[in-house]
Amino acid sequence: MHEYSVCRQIIAEAQKHGTPVAITLEVGELAPITVRELKSHLRELIDWGIRVKSKKGRVACECGFKGKPRVKERGHDFLLLECPKCRGARFSEVIGDKIILKSVKVTR
């Protein structure tokens, strides 16, 4: 299960800072797991506070388009994107496709 692998990586990274009681994540709109799925799976594994900030997804296509891509398909651990202008997927830049651990609150 890809989602649990992602969650375990987040947990391991947070634990490097001490004993976590809360985390803040930035989840890109184009990340391979949705915010709802991520929160759900994390809640099964930890009892920490979980705060999520969303980041808009944007691309820069080789055709010159810059903006929100069209999501053709979202699968178990993948996302197929399409440029709304040329219908291609030749992106020179993709923003909002990551999950970032922004902060960790630990016990003292």
N, C-alpha and C. Protein backbone atom coordinates (compact mmCIF):
# COMPACT_ATOMS: atom_id res chain seq x y z
N MET A 1 0.85 -1.18 0.00
CA MET A 1 0.00 0.00 0.00
C MET A 1 0.90 1.24 0.00
N HIS A 2 0.86 1.95 -1.09
CA HIS A 2 1.68 3.14 -1.28
C HIS A 2 1.41 4.20 -0.20
N GLU A 3 0.16 4.37 0.18
CA GLU A 3 -0.19 5.40 1.16
C GLU A 3 0.52 5.16 2.49
N TYR A 4 0.58 3.91 2.93
CA TYR A 4 1.23 3.62 4.20
C TYR A 4 2.73 3.85 4.12
N SER A 5 3.33 3.61 2.98
CA SER A 5 4.75 3.88 2.79
C SER A 5 5.02 5.38 2.94
N VAL A 6 4.19 6.19 2.33
CA VAL A 6 4.31 7.64 2.44
C VAL A 6 4.14 8.07 3.90
N CYS A 7 3.15 7.52 4.57
CA CYS A 7 2.89 7.86 5.97
C CYS A 7 4.05 7.45 6.87
N ARG A 8 4.60 6.28 6.63
CA ARG A 8 5.74 5.82 7.44
C ARG A 8 6.96 6.71 7.26
N GLN A 9 7.16 7.21 6.06
CA GLN A 9 8.27 8.14 5.81
C GLN A 9 8.06 9.45 6.57
N ILE A 10 6.84 9.95 6.57
CA ILE A 10 6.51 11.18 7.31
C ILE A 10 6.74 10.97 8.80
N ILE A 11 6.26 9.85 9.32
CA ILE A 11 6.41 9.54 10.74
C ILE A 11 7.89 9.44 11.12
N ALA A 12 8.67 8.73 10.32
CA ALA A 12 10.10 8.57 10.61
C ALA A 12 10.81 9.92 10.61
N GLU A 13 10.47 10.76 9.66
CA GLU A 13 11.10 12.08 9.59
C GLU A 13 10.71 12.92 10.80
N ALA A 14 9.45 12.88 11.20
CA ALA A 14 8.99 13.65 12.36
C ALA A 14 9.68 13.17 13.64
N GLN A 15 9.89 11.87 13.76
CA GLN A 15 10.49 11.31 14.97
C GLN A 15 11.98 11.66 15.10
N LYS A 16 12.59 12.11 14.03
CA LYS A 16 13.98 12.56 14.11
C LYS A 16 14.12 13.81 14.98
N HIS A 17 13.00 14.50 15.21
CA HIS A 17 13.01 15.75 15.97
C HIS A 17 12.70 15.55 17.45
N GLY A 18 12.40 14.35 17.85
CA GLY A 18 12.04 14.05 19.24
C GLY A 18 10.78 13.19 19.28
N THR A 19 9.97 13.40 20.33
CA THR A 19 8.71 12.68 20.46
C THR A 19 7.58 13.60 19.99
N PRO A 20 7.09 13.40 18.78
CA PRO A 20 6.08 14.31 18.23
C PRO A 20 4.74 14.23 18.95
N VAL A 21 4.08 15.38 19.01
CA VAL A 21 2.69 15.45 19.47
C VAL A 21 1.81 16.07 18.39
N ALA A 22 2.44 16.74 17.42
CA ALA A 22 1.68 17.35 16.33
C ALA A 22 2.62 17.61 15.15
N ILE A 23 2.06 17.53 13.96
CA ILE A 23 2.81 17.83 12.75
C ILE A 23 1.99 18.73 11.84
N THR A 24 2.71 19.50 11.02
CA THR A 24 2.08 20.29 9.98
C THR A 24 2.68 19.85 8.66
N LEU A 25 1.81 19.54 7.72
CA LEU A 25 2.22 19.09 6.40
C LEU A 25 1.74 20.06 5.33
N GLU A 26 2.52 20.17 4.27
CA GLU A 26 2.07 20.88 3.08
C GLU A 26 1.87 19.82 2.02
N VAL A 27 0.65 19.71 1.52
CA VAL A 27 0.32 18.68 0.54
C VAL A 27 -0.08 19.35 -0.76
N GLY A 28 0.68 19.05 -1.79
CA GLY A 28 0.38 19.61 -3.10
C GLY A 28 -0.84 18.97 -3.72
N GLU A 29 -1.57 19.77 -4.42
CA GLU A 29 -2.78 19.31 -5.11
C GLU A 29 -2.46 18.22 -6.14
N LEU A 30 -1.21 18.18 -6.60
CA LEU A 30 -0.79 17.19 -7.60
C LEU A 30 0.04 16.07 -6.98
N ALA A 31 0.02 15.96 -5.66
CA ALA A 31 0.75 14.89 -4.98
C ALA A 31 0.09 13.55 -5.30
N PRO A 32 0.83 12.45 -5.17
CA PRO A 32 0.28 11.15 -5.53
C PRO A 32 -0.76 10.60 -4.53
N ILE A 33 -1.00 11.31 -3.45
CA ILE A 33 -2.00 10.90 -2.47
C ILE A 33 -2.81 12.14 -2.08
N THR A 34 -4.11 11.99 -1.94
CA THR A 34 -4.95 13.14 -1.61
C THR A 34 -4.83 13.47 -0.12
N VAL A 35 -5.21 14.67 0.22
CA VAL A 35 -5.20 15.11 1.63
C VAL A 35 -6.07 14.19 2.47
N ARG A 36 -7.24 13.86 1.99
CA ARG A 36 -8.16 12.99 2.74
C ARG A 36 -7.55 11.62 3.00
N GLU A 37 -6.96 11.03 1.98
CA GLU A 37 -6.32 9.72 2.14
C GLU A 37 -5.14 9.80 3.12
N LEU A 38 -4.34 10.83 2.97
CA LEU A 38 -3.17 10.98 3.83
C LEU A 38 -3.57 11.12 5.29
N LYS A 39 -4.52 12.00 5.57
CA LYS A 39 -4.97 12.17 6.96
C LYS A 39 -5.56 10.88 7.52
N SER A 40 -6.37 10.21 6.72
CA SER A 40 -7.00 8.98 7.16
C SER A 40 -5.97 7.92 7.54
N HIS A 41 -4.98 7.72 6.70
CA HIS A 41 -3.96 6.71 6.97
C HIS A 41 -3.06 7.12 8.13
N LEU A 42 -2.73 8.39 8.21
CA LEU A 42 -1.90 8.83 9.35
C LEU A 42 -2.64 8.63 10.67
N ARG A 43 -3.93 8.92 10.69
CA ARG A 43 -4.71 8.76 11.93
C ARG A 43 -4.78 7.30 12.38
N GLU A 44 -4.65 6.36 11.44
CA GLU A 44 -4.62 4.94 11.80
C GLU A 44 -3.29 4.57 12.46
N LEU A 45 -2.24 5.33 12.17
CA LEU A 45 -0.90 4.98 12.64
C LEU A 45 -0.42 5.80 13.85
N ILE A 46 -0.91 7.01 14.00
CA ILE A 46 -0.44 7.90 15.07
C ILE A 46 -1.60 8.61 15.73
N ASP A 47 -1.35 9.12 16.93
CA ASP A 47 -2.39 9.90 17.62
C ASP A 47 -1.94 11.35 17.79
N TRP A 48 -1.05 11.81 16.95
CA TRP A 48 -0.59 13.19 16.97
C TRP A 48 -1.62 14.10 16.33
N GLY A 49 -1.52 15.38 16.63
CA GLY A 49 -2.30 16.36 15.90
C GLY A 49 -1.76 16.44 14.48
N ILE A 50 -2.65 16.58 13.53
CA ILE A 50 -2.25 16.64 12.12
C ILE A 50 -2.89 17.88 11.50
N ARG A 51 -2.05 18.79 11.07
CA ARG A 51 -2.52 20.00 10.38
C ARG A 51 -2.01 19.94 8.95
N VAL A 52 -2.87 20.22 8.00
CA VAL A 52 -2.48 20.14 6.59
C VAL A 52 -2.77 21.46 5.90
N LYS A 53 -1.74 21.95 5.22
CA LYS A 53 -1.88 23.12 4.36
C LYS A 53 -1.84 22.63 2.92
N SER A 54 -2.77 23.07 2.11
CA SER A 54 -2.80 22.66 0.71
C SER A 54 -1.99 23.63 -0.14
N LYS A 55 -1.38 23.10 -1.18
CA LYS A 55 -0.64 23.92 -2.13
C LYS A 55 -1.23 23.69 -3.51
N LYS A 56 -1.54 24.76 -4.19
CA LYS A 56 -2.13 24.67 -5.54
C LYS A 56 -1.14 24.03 -6.51
N GLY A 57 -1.68 23.30 -7.44
CA GLY A 57 -0.87 22.67 -8.47
C GLY A 57 -0.78 23.54 -9.70
N ARG A 58 0.44 23.67 -10.22
CA ARG A 58 0.68 24.46 -11.43
C ARG A 58 1.75 23.76 -12.26
N VAL A 59 1.69 23.98 -13.56
CA VAL A 59 2.72 23.45 -14.44
C VAL A 59 3.16 24.53 -15.42
N ALA A 60 4.33 24.31 -15.99
CA ALA A 60 4.79 25.09 -17.13
C ALA A 60 5.04 24.07 -18.24
N CYS A 61 4.30 24.19 -19.30
CA CYS A 61 4.40 23.26 -20.42
C CYS A 61 5.36 23.82 -21.47
N GLU A 62 5.98 22.93 -22.21
CA GLU A 62 6.88 23.36 -23.28
C GLU A 62 6.16 24.16 -24.36
N CYS A 63 4.82 24.04 -24.44
CA CYS A 63 4.06 24.80 -25.43
C CYS A 63 3.87 26.26 -25.01
N GLY A 64 4.25 26.59 -23.79
CA GLY A 64 4.12 27.97 -23.31
C GLY A 64 3.04 28.14 -22.25
N PHE A 65 2.18 27.16 -22.08
CA PHE A 65 1.12 27.24 -21.07
C PHE A 65 1.71 27.24 -19.66
N LYS A 66 1.19 28.10 -18.81
CA LYS A 66 1.53 28.11 -17.39
C LYS A 66 0.22 28.23 -16.62
N GLY A 67 -0.02 27.26 -15.75
CA GLY A 67 -1.25 27.29 -14.98
C GLY A 67 -1.62 25.92 -14.46
N LYS A 68 -2.90 25.77 -14.15
CA LYS A 68 -3.39 24.51 -13.59
C LYS A 68 -3.55 23.47 -14.70
N PRO A 69 -2.92 22.30 -14.52
CA PRO A 69 -3.07 21.26 -15.54
C PRO A 69 -4.41 20.55 -15.41
N ARG A 70 -4.76 19.82 -16.42
CA ARG A 70 -5.95 18.97 -16.38
C ARG A 70 -5.51 17.61 -15.84
N VAL A 71 -6.25 17.10 -14.86
CA VAL A 71 -5.97 15.77 -14.32
C VAL A 71 -6.75 14.77 -15.16
N LYS A 72 -6.01 13.97 -15.93
CA LYS A 72 -6.65 12.97 -16.79
C LYS A 72 -7.09 11.77 -15.99
N GLU A 73 -6.22 11.36 -15.05
CA GLU A 73 -6.54 10.18 -14.26
C GLU A 73 -5.74 10.22 -12.96
N ARG A 74 -6.40 9.83 -11.87
CA ARG A 74 -5.74 9.69 -10.57
C ARG A 74 -5.94 8.25 -10.14
N GLY A 75 -4.83 7.55 -9.98
CA GLY A 75 -4.88 6.15 -9.59
C GLY A 75 -4.37 5.94 -8.19
N HIS A 76 -4.10 4.69 -7.88
CA HIS A 76 -3.66 4.29 -6.54
C HIS A 76 -2.41 5.05 -6.10
N ASP A 77 -1.44 5.17 -6.95
CA ASP A 77 -0.22 5.90 -6.58
C ASP A 77 0.35 6.67 -7.77
N PHE A 78 -0.55 7.16 -8.63
CA PHE A 78 -0.09 7.93 -9.78
C PHE A 78 -1.12 8.99 -10.16
N LEU A 79 -0.65 9.93 -10.94
CA LEU A 79 -1.48 11.03 -11.40
C LEU A 79 -1.07 11.32 -12.84
N LEU A 80 -2.01 11.25 -13.76
CA LEU A 80 -1.73 11.58 -15.15
C LEU A 80 -2.25 12.99 -15.43
N LEU A 81 -1.33 13.85 -15.86
CA LEU A 81 -1.67 15.25 -16.11
C LEU A 81 -1.63 15.54 -17.60
N GLU A 82 -2.40 16.55 -17.99
CA GLU A 82 -2.45 16.96 -19.38
C GLU A 82 -2.47 18.48 -19.45
N CYS A 83 -1.76 19.03 -20.39
CA CYS A 83 -1.79 20.47 -20.62
C CYS A 83 -3.12 20.84 -21.26
N PRO A 84 -3.84 21.81 -20.68
CA PRO A 84 -5.13 22.20 -21.27
C PRO A 84 -5.00 22.87 -22.65
N LYS A 85 -3.80 23.39 -22.95
CA LYS A 85 -3.60 24.09 -24.22
C LYS A 85 -3.25 23.14 -25.35
N CYS A 86 -2.21 22.30 -25.16
CA CYS A 86 -1.73 21.44 -26.26
C CYS A 86 -2.12 19.97 -26.08
N ARG A 87 -2.71 19.65 -24.94
CA ARG A 87 -3.12 18.29 -24.59
C ARG A 87 -1.93 17.32 -24.43
N GLY A 88 -0.75 17.88 -24.34
CA GLY A 88 0.45 17.08 -24.13
C GLY A 88 0.80 17.01 -22.65
N ALA A 89 1.95 16.45 -22.37
CA ALA A 89 2.44 16.34 -20.99
C ALA A 89 3.94 16.58 -20.96
N ARG A 90 4.36 17.61 -21.68
CA ARG A 90 5.78 17.96 -21.75
C ARG A 90 6.03 19.14 -20.80
N PHE A 91 6.05 18.85 -19.52
CA PHE A 91 6.15 19.90 -18.52
C PHE A 91 7.60 20.16 -18.14
N SER A 92 8.00 21.40 -18.21
CA SER A 92 9.34 21.78 -17.78
C SER A 92 9.36 22.11 -16.29
N GLU A 93 8.18 22.31 -15.73
CA GLU A 93 8.08 22.61 -14.30
C GLU A 93 6.74 22.12 -13.77
N VAL A 94 6.78 21.51 -12.60
CA VAL A 94 5.57 21.07 -11.91
C VAL A 94 5.66 21.57 -10.48
N ILE A 95 4.66 22.31 -10.05
CA ILE A 95 4.60 22.84 -8.68
C ILE A 95 3.38 22.24 -8.01
N GLY A 96 3.54 21.86 -6.73
CA GLY A 96 2.41 21.31 -5.99
C GLY A 96 2.26 19.82 -6.14
N ASP A 97 3.38 19.12 -6.34
CA ASP A 97 3.32 17.66 -6.49
C ASP A 97 4.01 16.94 -5.33
N LYS A 98 4.30 17.67 -4.27
CA LYS A 98 5.06 17.10 -3.15
C LYS A 98 4.24 17.09 -1.86
N ILE A 99 4.72 16.28 -0.92
CA ILE A 99 4.22 16.29 0.46
C ILE A 99 5.41 16.70 1.32
N ILE A 100 5.29 17.80 2.02
CA ILE A 100 6.41 18.36 2.77
C ILE A 100 6.04 18.44 4.25
N LEU A 101 6.91 17.94 5.10
CA LEU A 101 6.76 18.07 6.55
C LEU A 101 7.25 19.46 6.91
N LYS A 102 6.32 20.36 7.23
CA LYS A 102 6.66 21.76 7.49
C LYS A 102 7.10 22.01 8.93
N SER A 103 6.46 21.34 9.89
CA SER A 103 6.85 21.54 11.29
C SER A 103 6.47 20.34 12.12
N VAL A 104 7.19 20.20 13.23
CA VAL A 104 6.95 19.11 14.17
C VAL A 104 6.93 19.72 15.56
N LYS A 105 5.85 19.49 16.27
CA LYS A 105 5.77 19.91 17.68
C LYS A 105 6.08 18.66 18.51
N VAL A 106 7.07 18.78 19.41
CA VAL A 106 7.51 17.66 20.21
C VAL A 106 7.26 17.91 21.70
N THR A 107 7.24 16.82 22.49
CA THR A 107 7.13 16.96 23.94
C THR A 107 8.45 17.47 24.47
N ARG A 108 8.39 18.16 25.59
CA ARG A 108 9.62 18.71 26.18
C ARG A 108 10.11 17.84 27.30
